[in-house]
Amino acid sequence: MVKHRNIQYFTATVNGEEITFRCHTTDTRNGFCHTAHYTGWDYDITDSKCPYINRTWERFTYESVLCKAIDKLPESVRQQVYDQLIDHKAAEVEEQCNKELAAFEKLHESLTPENKERLANSGIEINSEGDMHAVMGLMGLMSLTQ
């Protein structure tokens, strides 16, 4: 049985009608695959899929597969859906990243020079959002004990 994970819904409203995409991730033998399943108006649209062997470089999860799915919509509604789903979500994610970066910088600035040096020489690399949150936790502990 195929297990879908990280299910997310993206909904746009065009002319009072909702268009919803149900997106999920499926693990594959060579990586993973993002799928967007369209529900809404009576368009005969097949699922859109984006397989990934290593990693994606998207502004937010499911951006590529959503773009693929939106391209299957009639041209008359495509831009409105794109604006509501892609542009809106990307702006939302950028705003959240800027807030997290400001919090990170503020926390780093609160460290003593000795703790900044310890952190710089720790060998810790930040390669994901989880890594960033772990380092922020470490810096929080450091700032409490200085």
N, C-alpha and C. Protein backbone atom coordinates (compact mmCIF):
# COMPACT_ATOMS: atom_id res chain seq x y z
N MET A 1 0.84 -1.18 0.00
CA MET A 1 0.00 0.00 0.00
C MET A 1 0.89 1.26 0.00
N VAL A 2 0.57 2.21 -0.85
CA VAL A 2 1.32 3.45 -0.96
C VAL A 2 0.91 4.38 0.18
N LYS A 3 1.90 4.90 0.87
CA LYS A 3 1.63 5.80 1.99
C LYS A 3 1.89 7.24 1.57
N HIS A 4 0.85 8.06 1.69
CA HIS A 4 0.98 9.48 1.39
C HIS A 4 1.30 10.20 2.69
N ARG A 5 2.24 11.14 2.61
CA ARG A 5 2.59 11.90 3.80
C ARG A 5 2.60 13.39 3.47
N ASN A 6 2.62 14.19 4.52
CA ASN A 6 2.66 15.64 4.39
C ASN A 6 1.53 16.16 3.50
N ILE A 7 0.31 15.74 3.77
CA ILE A 7 -0.84 16.17 2.97
C ILE A 7 -1.16 17.63 3.28
N GLN A 8 -1.27 18.42 2.22
CA GLN A 8 -1.62 19.83 2.36
C GLN A 8 -2.65 20.18 1.30
N TYR A 9 -3.54 21.10 1.67
CA TYR A 9 -4.58 21.57 0.74
C TYR A 9 -4.31 23.02 0.38
N PHE A 10 -4.50 23.36 -0.88
CA PHE A 10 -4.34 24.71 -1.37
C PHE A 10 -5.63 25.06 -2.10
N THR A 11 -6.28 26.14 -1.69
CA THR A 11 -7.57 26.51 -2.26
C THR A 11 -7.55 27.93 -2.78
N ALA A 12 -8.08 28.12 -3.98
CA ALA A 12 -8.25 29.44 -4.58
C ALA A 12 -9.72 29.61 -4.90
N THR A 13 -10.18 30.86 -4.92
CA THR A 13 -11.56 31.15 -5.28
C THR A 13 -11.56 32.03 -6.52
N VAL A 14 -12.23 31.55 -7.56
CA VAL A 14 -12.32 32.29 -8.81
C VAL A 14 -13.80 32.38 -9.17
N ASN A 15 -14.28 33.60 -9.34
CA ASN A 15 -15.69 33.85 -9.67
C ASN A 15 -16.63 33.16 -8.68
N GLY A 16 -16.27 33.18 -7.41
CA GLY A 16 -17.11 32.59 -6.36
C GLY A 16 -17.03 31.08 -6.26
N GLU A 17 -16.23 30.45 -7.09
CA GLU A 17 -16.09 28.98 -7.08
C GLU A 17 -14.73 28.61 -6.51
N GLU A 18 -14.71 27.59 -5.65
CA GLU A 18 -13.45 27.12 -5.07
C GLU A 18 -12.78 26.09 -5.96
N ILE A 19 -11.48 26.24 -6.08
CA ILE A 19 -10.63 25.26 -6.76
C ILE A 19 -9.63 24.80 -5.71
N THR A 20 -9.59 23.51 -5.45
CA THR A 20 -8.72 22.98 -4.40
C THR A 20 -7.77 21.95 -4.99
N PHE A 21 -6.53 22.01 -4.52
CA PHE A 21 -5.53 21.01 -4.86
C PHE A 21 -5.12 20.30 -3.58
N ARG A 22 -5.21 18.98 -3.59
CA ARG A 22 -4.74 18.17 -2.47
C ARG A 22 -3.36 17.67 -2.85
N CYS A 23 -2.36 18.10 -2.11
CA CYS A 23 -0.99 17.73 -2.42
C CYS A 23 -0.47 16.76 -1.36
N HIS A 24 0.35 15.83 -1.80
CA HIS A 24 0.98 14.90 -0.86
C HIS A 24 2.31 14.42 -1.42
N THR A 25 3.08 13.82 -0.54
CA THR A 25 4.38 13.26 -0.89
C THR A 25 4.30 11.75 -0.80
N THR A 26 4.86 11.07 -1.77
CA THR A 26 4.94 9.62 -1.77
C THR A 26 6.42 9.23 -1.90
N ASP A 27 6.88 8.35 -1.04
CA ASP A 27 8.25 7.85 -1.17
C ASP A 27 8.34 6.90 -2.35
N THR A 28 9.43 7.00 -3.08
CA THR A 28 9.67 6.11 -4.23
C THR A 28 11.00 5.41 -4.01
N ARG A 29 11.29 4.48 -4.88
CA ARG A 29 12.54 3.73 -4.78
C ARG A 29 13.75 4.65 -4.91
N ASN A 30 13.64 5.69 -5.73
CA ASN A 30 14.78 6.58 -6.00
C ASN A 30 14.68 7.94 -5.33
N GLY A 31 13.75 8.13 -4.44
CA GLY A 31 13.58 9.45 -3.81
C GLY A 31 12.16 9.63 -3.33
N PHE A 32 11.49 10.65 -3.87
CA PHE A 32 10.10 10.88 -3.51
C PHE A 32 9.40 11.60 -4.65
N CYS A 33 8.08 11.65 -4.56
CA CYS A 33 7.27 12.26 -5.60
C CYS A 33 6.21 13.14 -4.95
N HIS A 34 6.05 14.35 -5.48
CA HIS A 34 4.96 15.22 -5.04
C HIS A 34 3.82 15.08 -6.04
N THR A 35 2.61 14.99 -5.52
CA THR A 35 1.42 14.88 -6.37
C THR A 35 0.42 15.94 -5.98
N ALA A 36 -0.20 16.56 -6.97
CA ALA A 36 -1.29 17.52 -6.76
C ALA A 36 -2.53 16.94 -7.42
N HIS A 37 -3.56 16.72 -6.61
CA HIS A 37 -4.83 16.19 -7.11
C HIS A 37 -5.83 17.34 -7.12
N TYR A 38 -6.40 17.60 -8.27
CA TYR A 38 -7.32 18.71 -8.45
C TYR A 38 -8.74 18.31 -8.06
N THR A 39 -9.40 19.18 -7.31
CA THR A 39 -10.84 19.02 -7.08
C THR A 39 -11.47 20.40 -7.23
N GLY A 40 -12.62 20.45 -7.79
CA GLY A 40 -13.28 21.75 -7.96
C GLY A 40 -14.22 21.71 -9.12
N TRP A 41 -14.02 22.61 -10.05
CA TRP A 41 -14.91 22.71 -11.19
C TRP A 41 -14.89 21.43 -12.00
N ASP A 42 -15.75 21.34 -12.96
CA ASP A 42 -15.91 20.10 -13.74
C ASP A 42 -14.92 19.97 -14.88
N TYR A 43 -13.67 20.29 -14.62
CA TYR A 43 -12.64 20.10 -15.63
C TYR A 43 -12.09 18.69 -15.49
N ASP A 44 -11.83 18.08 -16.62
CA ASP A 44 -11.25 16.74 -16.60
C ASP A 44 -9.73 16.89 -16.54
N ILE A 45 -9.21 17.00 -15.33
CA ILE A 45 -7.78 17.26 -15.14
C ILE A 45 -7.17 16.08 -14.40
N THR A 46 -6.09 15.56 -14.96
CA THR A 46 -5.40 14.46 -14.32
C THR A 46 -4.48 14.99 -13.23
N ASP A 47 -4.05 14.11 -12.35
CA ASP A 47 -3.11 14.49 -11.30
C ASP A 47 -1.81 14.98 -11.93
N SER A 48 -1.18 15.92 -11.25
CA SER A 48 0.13 16.39 -11.65
C SER A 48 1.15 15.78 -10.70
N LYS A 49 2.30 15.38 -11.24
CA LYS A 49 3.33 14.74 -10.43
C LYS A 49 4.69 15.33 -10.73
N CYS A 50 5.50 15.43 -9.68
CA CYS A 50 6.89 15.86 -9.81
C CYS A 50 7.75 14.90 -9.02
N PRO A 51 8.49 14.02 -9.69
CA PRO A 51 9.40 13.12 -8.97
C PRO A 51 10.71 13.82 -8.66
N TYR A 52 11.27 13.52 -7.51
CA TYR A 52 12.53 14.10 -7.09
C TYR A 52 13.47 12.98 -6.67
N ILE A 53 14.66 12.98 -7.20
CA ILE A 53 15.64 11.97 -6.83
C ILE A 53 16.39 12.41 -5.59
N ASN A 54 16.69 13.69 -5.47
CA ASN A 54 17.47 14.15 -4.34
C ASN A 54 16.68 15.15 -3.50
N ARG A 55 16.56 16.36 -3.93
CA ARG A 55 15.83 17.36 -3.17
C ARG A 55 15.22 18.39 -4.11
N THR A 56 14.29 19.16 -3.59
CA THR A 56 13.66 20.21 -4.39
C THR A 56 14.26 21.55 -4.00
N TRP A 57 14.19 22.48 -4.90
CA TRP A 57 14.61 23.85 -4.62
C TRP A 57 13.41 24.72 -4.93
N GLU A 58 12.49 24.74 -4.00
CA GLU A 58 11.27 25.49 -4.16
C GLU A 58 11.18 26.53 -3.05
N ARG A 59 10.39 27.56 -3.28
CA ARG A 59 10.19 28.56 -2.23
C ARG A 59 9.32 27.99 -1.11
N PHE A 60 8.48 27.02 -1.44
CA PHE A 60 7.67 26.34 -0.44
C PHE A 60 7.34 24.95 -0.96
N THR A 61 7.03 24.05 -0.05
CA THR A 61 6.73 22.67 -0.42
C THR A 61 5.53 22.64 -1.36
N TYR A 62 5.66 21.91 -2.44
CA TYR A 62 4.64 21.70 -3.47
C TYR A 62 4.54 22.81 -4.50
N GLU A 63 5.44 23.78 -4.49
CA GLU A 63 5.37 24.86 -5.47
C GLU A 63 5.42 24.32 -6.91
N SER A 64 6.38 23.46 -7.20
CA SER A 64 6.54 22.96 -8.58
C SER A 64 5.34 22.19 -9.06
N VAL A 65 4.83 21.28 -8.23
CA VAL A 65 3.71 20.46 -8.66
C VAL A 65 2.42 21.29 -8.75
N LEU A 66 2.29 22.31 -7.91
CA LEU A 66 1.13 23.20 -8.02
C LEU A 66 1.18 23.99 -9.32
N CYS A 67 2.36 24.48 -9.68
CA CYS A 67 2.50 25.19 -10.95
C CYS A 67 2.12 24.30 -12.13
N LYS A 68 2.57 23.06 -12.07
CA LYS A 68 2.22 22.08 -13.11
C LYS A 68 0.71 21.87 -13.19
N ALA A 69 0.08 21.76 -12.02
CA ALA A 69 -1.36 21.53 -11.97
C ALA A 69 -2.13 22.75 -12.46
N ILE A 70 -1.69 23.93 -12.06
CA ILE A 70 -2.36 25.17 -12.49
C ILE A 70 -2.28 25.33 -13.99
N ASP A 71 -1.17 24.91 -14.59
CA ASP A 71 -1.02 25.00 -16.05
C ASP A 71 -2.05 24.16 -16.80
N LYS A 72 -2.68 23.20 -16.13
CA LYS A 72 -3.70 22.36 -16.76
C LYS A 72 -5.09 23.00 -16.73
N LEU A 73 -5.24 24.06 -15.94
CA LEU A 73 -6.53 24.76 -15.86
C LEU A 73 -6.76 25.57 -17.13
N PRO A 74 -8.01 25.92 -17.41
CA PRO A 74 -8.27 26.79 -18.56
C PRO A 74 -7.54 28.12 -18.40
N GLU A 75 -7.07 28.65 -19.49
CA GLU A 75 -6.28 29.88 -19.48
C GLU A 75 -7.03 31.03 -18.81
N SER A 76 -8.33 31.05 -18.90
CA SER A 76 -9.13 32.15 -18.36
C SER A 76 -9.05 32.26 -16.84
N VAL A 77 -8.71 31.17 -16.13
CA VAL A 77 -8.63 31.20 -14.66
C VAL A 77 -7.22 30.99 -14.14
N ARG A 78 -6.32 30.59 -15.01
CA ARG A 78 -4.96 30.22 -14.61
C ARG A 78 -4.24 31.30 -13.79
N GLN A 79 -4.23 32.53 -14.29
CA GLN A 79 -3.48 33.60 -13.62
C GLN A 79 -4.05 33.91 -12.24
N GLN A 80 -5.38 33.91 -12.12
CA GLN A 80 -6.00 34.18 -10.82
C GLN A 80 -5.62 33.12 -9.79
N VAL A 81 -5.63 31.86 -10.21
CA VAL A 81 -5.28 30.77 -9.31
C VAL A 81 -3.80 30.85 -8.95
N TYR A 82 -2.97 31.14 -9.95
CA TYR A 82 -1.54 31.27 -9.71
C TYR A 82 -1.28 32.38 -8.68
N ASP A 83 -1.93 33.53 -8.87
CA ASP A 83 -1.73 34.66 -7.94
C ASP A 83 -2.13 34.28 -6.53
N GLN A 84 -3.26 33.61 -6.38
CA GLN A 84 -3.76 33.26 -5.05
C GLN A 84 -2.94 32.16 -4.38
N LEU A 85 -2.51 31.18 -5.14
CA LEU A 85 -1.81 30.05 -4.54
C LEU A 85 -0.30 30.23 -4.51
N ILE A 86 0.31 30.49 -5.63
CA ILE A 86 1.77 30.53 -5.72
C ILE A 86 2.32 31.83 -5.14
N ASP A 87 1.88 32.96 -5.68
CA ASP A 87 2.42 34.24 -5.23
C ASP A 87 2.10 34.50 -3.76
N HIS A 88 0.88 34.21 -3.35
CA HIS A 88 0.48 34.45 -1.96
C HIS A 88 1.28 33.58 -1.00
N LYS A 89 1.40 32.28 -1.31
CA LYS A 89 2.13 31.37 -0.43
C LYS A 89 3.62 31.73 -0.38
N ALA A 90 4.20 32.08 -1.51
CA ALA A 90 5.62 32.45 -1.54
C ALA A 90 5.86 33.70 -0.69
N ALA A 91 4.97 34.68 -0.77
CA ALA A 91 5.11 35.89 0.04
C ALA A 91 4.97 35.57 1.53
N GLU A 92 4.05 34.68 1.84
CA GLU A 92 3.83 34.25 3.24
C GLU A 92 5.09 33.57 3.78
N VAL A 93 5.67 32.69 3.00
CA VAL A 93 6.87 31.96 3.42
C VAL A 93 8.05 32.92 3.55
N GLU A 94 8.19 33.86 2.62
CA GLU A 94 9.27 34.83 2.70
C GLU A 94 9.16 35.68 3.97
N GLU A 95 7.94 36.11 4.30
CA GLU A 95 7.73 36.89 5.51
C GLU A 95 8.12 36.09 6.76
N GLN A 96 7.73 34.82 6.80
CA GLN A 96 8.08 33.96 7.94
C GLN A 96 9.59 33.77 8.03
N CYS A 97 10.25 33.56 6.91
CA CYS A 97 11.71 33.40 6.90
C CYS A 97 12.40 34.66 7.40
N ASN A 98 11.91 35.82 6.98
CA ASN A 98 12.51 37.09 7.43
C ASN A 98 12.35 37.26 8.94
N LYS A 99 11.21 36.86 9.48
CA LYS A 99 10.99 36.94 10.94
C LYS A 99 11.95 35.99 11.66
N GLU A 100 12.10 34.76 11.15
CA GLU A 100 12.99 33.80 11.79
C GLU A 100 14.45 34.25 11.69
N LEU A 101 14.83 34.83 10.58
CA LEU A 101 16.19 35.33 10.42
C LEU A 101 16.46 36.48 11.40
N ALA A 102 15.50 37.39 11.55
CA ALA A 102 15.66 38.50 12.49
C ALA A 102 15.80 37.97 13.92
N ALA A 103 15.00 36.96 14.28
CA ALA A 103 15.09 36.36 15.62
C ALA A 103 16.45 35.68 15.80
N PHE A 104 16.92 34.99 14.77
CA PHE A 104 18.22 34.32 14.81
C PHE A 104 19.33 35.35 15.04
N GLU A 105 19.31 36.41 14.24
CA GLU A 105 20.34 37.45 14.35
C GLU A 105 20.31 38.12 15.73
N LYS A 106 19.12 38.39 16.24
CA LYS A 106 19.00 39.03 17.55
C LYS A 106 19.56 38.13 18.65
N LEU A 107 19.26 36.84 18.56
CA LEU A 107 19.76 35.89 19.54
C LEU A 107 21.28 35.77 19.44
N HIS A 108 21.80 35.73 18.22
CA HIS A 108 23.25 35.65 18.02
C HIS A 108 23.94 36.89 18.59
N GLU A 109 23.35 38.05 18.37
CA GLU A 109 23.93 39.29 18.89
C GLU A 109 23.96 39.31 20.41
N SER A 110 23.06 38.59 21.06
CA SER A 110 23.01 38.59 22.53
C SER A 110 24.12 37.74 23.15
N LEU A 111 24.81 36.95 22.33
CA LEU A 111 25.87 36.08 22.85
C LEU A 111 27.13 36.88 23.16
N THR A 112 27.88 36.41 24.14
CA THR A 112 29.17 37.00 24.45
C THR A 112 30.14 36.65 23.31
N PRO A 113 31.22 37.41 23.16
CA PRO A 113 32.21 37.07 22.13
C PRO A 113 32.74 35.63 22.28
N GLU A 114 32.91 35.17 23.52
CA GLU A 114 33.40 33.81 23.75
C GLU A 114 32.41 32.78 23.22
N ASN A 115 31.13 32.99 23.49
CA ASN A 115 30.11 32.04 23.02
C ASN A 115 29.96 32.10 21.50
N LYS A 116 30.10 33.28 20.91
CA LYS A 116 30.07 33.38 19.45
C LYS A 116 31.22 32.58 18.84
N GLU A 117 32.39 32.66 19.46
CA GLU A 117 33.55 31.91 18.97
C GLU A 117 33.32 30.40 19.13
N ARG A 118 32.79 29.99 20.29
CA ARG A 118 32.49 28.56 20.50
C ARG A 118 31.53 28.05 19.42
N LEU A 119 30.51 28.83 19.16
CA LEU A 119 29.53 28.43 18.15
C LEU A 119 30.17 28.36 16.77
N ALA A 120 30.98 29.35 16.44
CA ALA A 120 31.64 29.39 15.13
C ALA A 120 32.59 28.21 14.95
N ASN A 121 33.23 27.76 16.02
CA ASN A 121 34.20 26.67 15.95
C ASN A 121 33.59 25.30 16.26
N SER A 122 32.29 25.23 16.40
CA SER A 122 31.63 23.97 16.81
C SER A 122 31.53 22.95 15.67
N GLY A 123 31.65 23.42 14.45
CA GLY A 123 31.50 22.51 13.32
C GLY A 123 30.04 22.27 12.93
N ILE A 124 29.12 22.93 13.60
CA ILE A 124 27.70 22.79 13.30
C ILE A 124 27.41 23.47 11.97
N GLU A 125 26.68 22.77 11.12
CA GLU A 125 26.24 23.34 9.84
C GLU A 125 24.73 23.43 9.84
N ILE A 126 24.22 24.48 9.24
CA ILE A 126 22.77 24.64 9.13
C ILE A 126 22.40 24.33 7.69
N ASN A 127 21.74 23.17 7.51
CA ASN A 127 21.34 22.73 6.18
C ASN A 127 19.83 22.60 6.02
N SER A 128 19.10 22.83 7.10
CA SER A 128 17.65 22.68 7.04
C SER A 128 17.01 23.57 8.08
N GLU A 129 15.72 23.69 8.00
CA GLU A 129 14.98 24.48 8.99
C GLU A 129 15.13 23.85 10.37
N GLY A 130 15.14 22.53 10.43
CA GLY A 130 15.33 21.85 11.71
C GLY A 130 16.68 22.17 12.33
N ASP A 131 17.73 22.19 11.49
CA ASP A 131 19.06 22.56 11.98
C ASP A 131 19.05 23.98 12.54
N MET A 132 18.38 24.89 11.84
CA MET A 132 18.32 26.28 12.28
C MET A 132 17.64 26.38 13.64
N HIS A 133 16.55 25.64 13.83
CA HIS A 133 15.86 25.67 15.11
C HIS A 133 16.72 25.06 16.22
N ALA A 134 17.49 24.03 15.90
CA ALA A 134 18.38 23.43 16.90
C ALA A 134 19.47 24.41 17.32
N VAL A 135 20.05 25.13 16.36
CA VAL A 135 21.09 26.11 16.67
C VAL A 135 20.49 27.26 17.47
N MET A 136 19.26 27.67 17.12
CA MET A 136 18.61 28.73 17.90
C MET A 136 18.39 28.27 19.35
N GLY A 137 18.03 27.00 19.53
CA GLY A 137 17.89 26.46 20.89
C GLY A 137 19.21 26.48 21.63
N LEU A 138 20.27 26.09 20.94
CA LEU A 138 21.61 26.11 21.53
C LEU A 138 22.01 27.53 21.91
N MET A 139 21.78 28.47 21.03
CA MET A 139 22.12 29.87 21.33
C MET A 139 21.29 30.39 22.50
N GLY A 140 20.03 29.97 22.57
CA GLY A 140 19.19 30.35 23.70
C GLY A 140 19.74 29.85 25.01
N LEU A 141 20.20 28.60 25.02
CA LEU A 141 20.82 28.04 26.23
C LEU A 141 22.11 28.77 26.57
N MET A 142 22.90 29.07 25.55
CA MET A 142 24.15 29.78 25.77
C MET A 142 23.90 31.15 26.38
N SER A 143 22.88 31.85 25.85
CA SER A 143 22.60 33.19 26.35
C SER A 143 22.08 33.16 27.79
N LEU A 144 21.41 32.06 28.17
CA LEU A 144 20.92 31.94 29.55
C LEU A 144 22.04 31.68 30.54
N THR A 145 23.11 31.06 30.08
CA THR A 145 24.19 30.66 31.00
C THR A 145 25.40 31.59 30.96
N GLN A 146 25.35 32.66 30.21
CA GLN A 146 26.52 33.54 30.13
C GLN A 146 26.53 34.59 31.22
